[in-house]
Amino acid sequence: MSETTLDTSDLKELLKSAISEVLQEQKEVFTDIIIEAMEDIGLVKAIAKGENTEPVSREGIFKILSQKS
């Protein structure tokens, strides 16, 4: 069996090339992952903000929503 050696710069270039190829071929998958992560971040921020406010009744929420329609 023959041994192949790679120096750090060769390995780095191979990894960059492989990652770039995967990103190009699976663009939709990565786009969906990024969108979902952004939605999760927004939800976490909304929950954190809501923890510091006064509770609102269900009717109050629907009243506000119906005014914006």
Protein backbone atom coordinates (compact mmCIF):
# COMPACT_ATOMS: atom_id res chain seq x y z
CA MET A 1 0.00 0.00 0.00
CA SER A 2 1.40 3.41 -0.92
CA GLU A 3 1.38 6.33 1.42
CA THR A 4 0.17 9.78 0.37
CA THR A 5 1.21 12.83 2.25
CA LEU A 6 -0.44 16.23 2.19
CA ASP A 7 0.91 19.37 3.65
CA THR A 8 -1.37 21.78 5.49
CA SER A 9 -1.89 24.11 2.54
CA ASP A 10 -2.84 21.23 0.19
CA LEU A 11 -5.31 19.87 2.73
CA LYS A 12 -6.77 23.33 3.27
CA GLU A 13 -7.30 23.81 -0.49
CA LEU A 14 -8.92 20.37 -0.82
CA LEU A 15 -11.31 21.13 2.04
CA LYS A 16 -12.21 24.54 0.56
CA SER A 17 -12.89 22.95 -2.80
CA ALA A 18 -15.03 20.18 -1.29
CA ILE A 19 -17.07 22.60 0.84
CA SER A 20 -17.58 24.93 -2.11
CA GLU A 21 -18.77 22.05 -4.29
CA VAL A 22 -21.24 20.83 -1.65
CA LEU A 23 -22.61 24.36 -1.15
CA GLN A 24 -23.15 24.77 -4.90
CA GLU A 25 -24.80 21.38 -5.33
CA GLN A 26 -27.01 21.63 -2.24
CA LYS A 27 -27.84 25.34 -2.37
CA GLU A 28 -31.55 24.89 -1.54
CA VAL A 29 -30.82 22.74 1.51
CA PHE A 30 -28.41 25.28 2.95
CA THR A 31 -30.79 28.15 2.15
CA ASP A 32 -33.56 26.37 4.07
CA ILE A 33 -31.23 25.76 7.02
CA ILE A 34 -30.21 29.42 7.15
CA ILE A 35 -33.81 30.65 6.90
CA GLU A 36 -34.90 28.31 9.68
CA ALA A 37 -32.02 29.44 11.90
CA MET A 38 -32.96 33.09 11.33
CA GLU A 39 -36.60 32.36 12.21
CA ASP A 40 -35.46 30.58 15.39
CA ILE A 41 -33.31 33.57 16.36
CA GLY A 42 -36.29 35.90 15.83
CA LEU A 43 -38.51 33.68 17.95
CA VAL A 44 -35.94 33.56 20.76
CA LYS A 45 -35.65 37.36 20.70
CA ALA A 46 -39.45 37.76 20.74
CA ILE A 47 -39.79 35.39 23.68
CA ALA A 48 -37.03 37.19 25.59
CA LYS A 49 -38.69 40.55 24.94
CA GLY A 50 -42.08 39.17 25.94
CA GLU A 51 -40.74 37.91 29.26
CA ASN A 52 -40.17 41.52 30.31
CA THR A 53 -43.65 42.83 29.44
CA GLU A 54 -47.04 42.64 31.07
CA PRO A 55 -49.29 39.70 30.14
CA VAL A 56 -52.04 40.39 27.58
CA SER A 57 -55.33 38.51 27.27
CA ARG A 58 -56.17 36.45 24.22
CA GLU A 59 -59.01 38.84 23.43
CA GLY A 60 -56.62 41.78 23.56
CA ILE A 61 -54.33 40.14 21.03
CA PHE A 62 -57.18 39.35 18.63
CA LYS A 63 -58.50 42.89 19.00
CA ILE A 64 -55.13 44.30 17.94
CA LEU A 65 -54.86 41.84 15.06
CA SER A 66 -58.34 42.65 13.77
CA GLN A 67 -57.55 46.39 13.79
CA LYS A 68 -54.53 45.81 11.52
CA SER A 69 -56.51 43.80 8.96
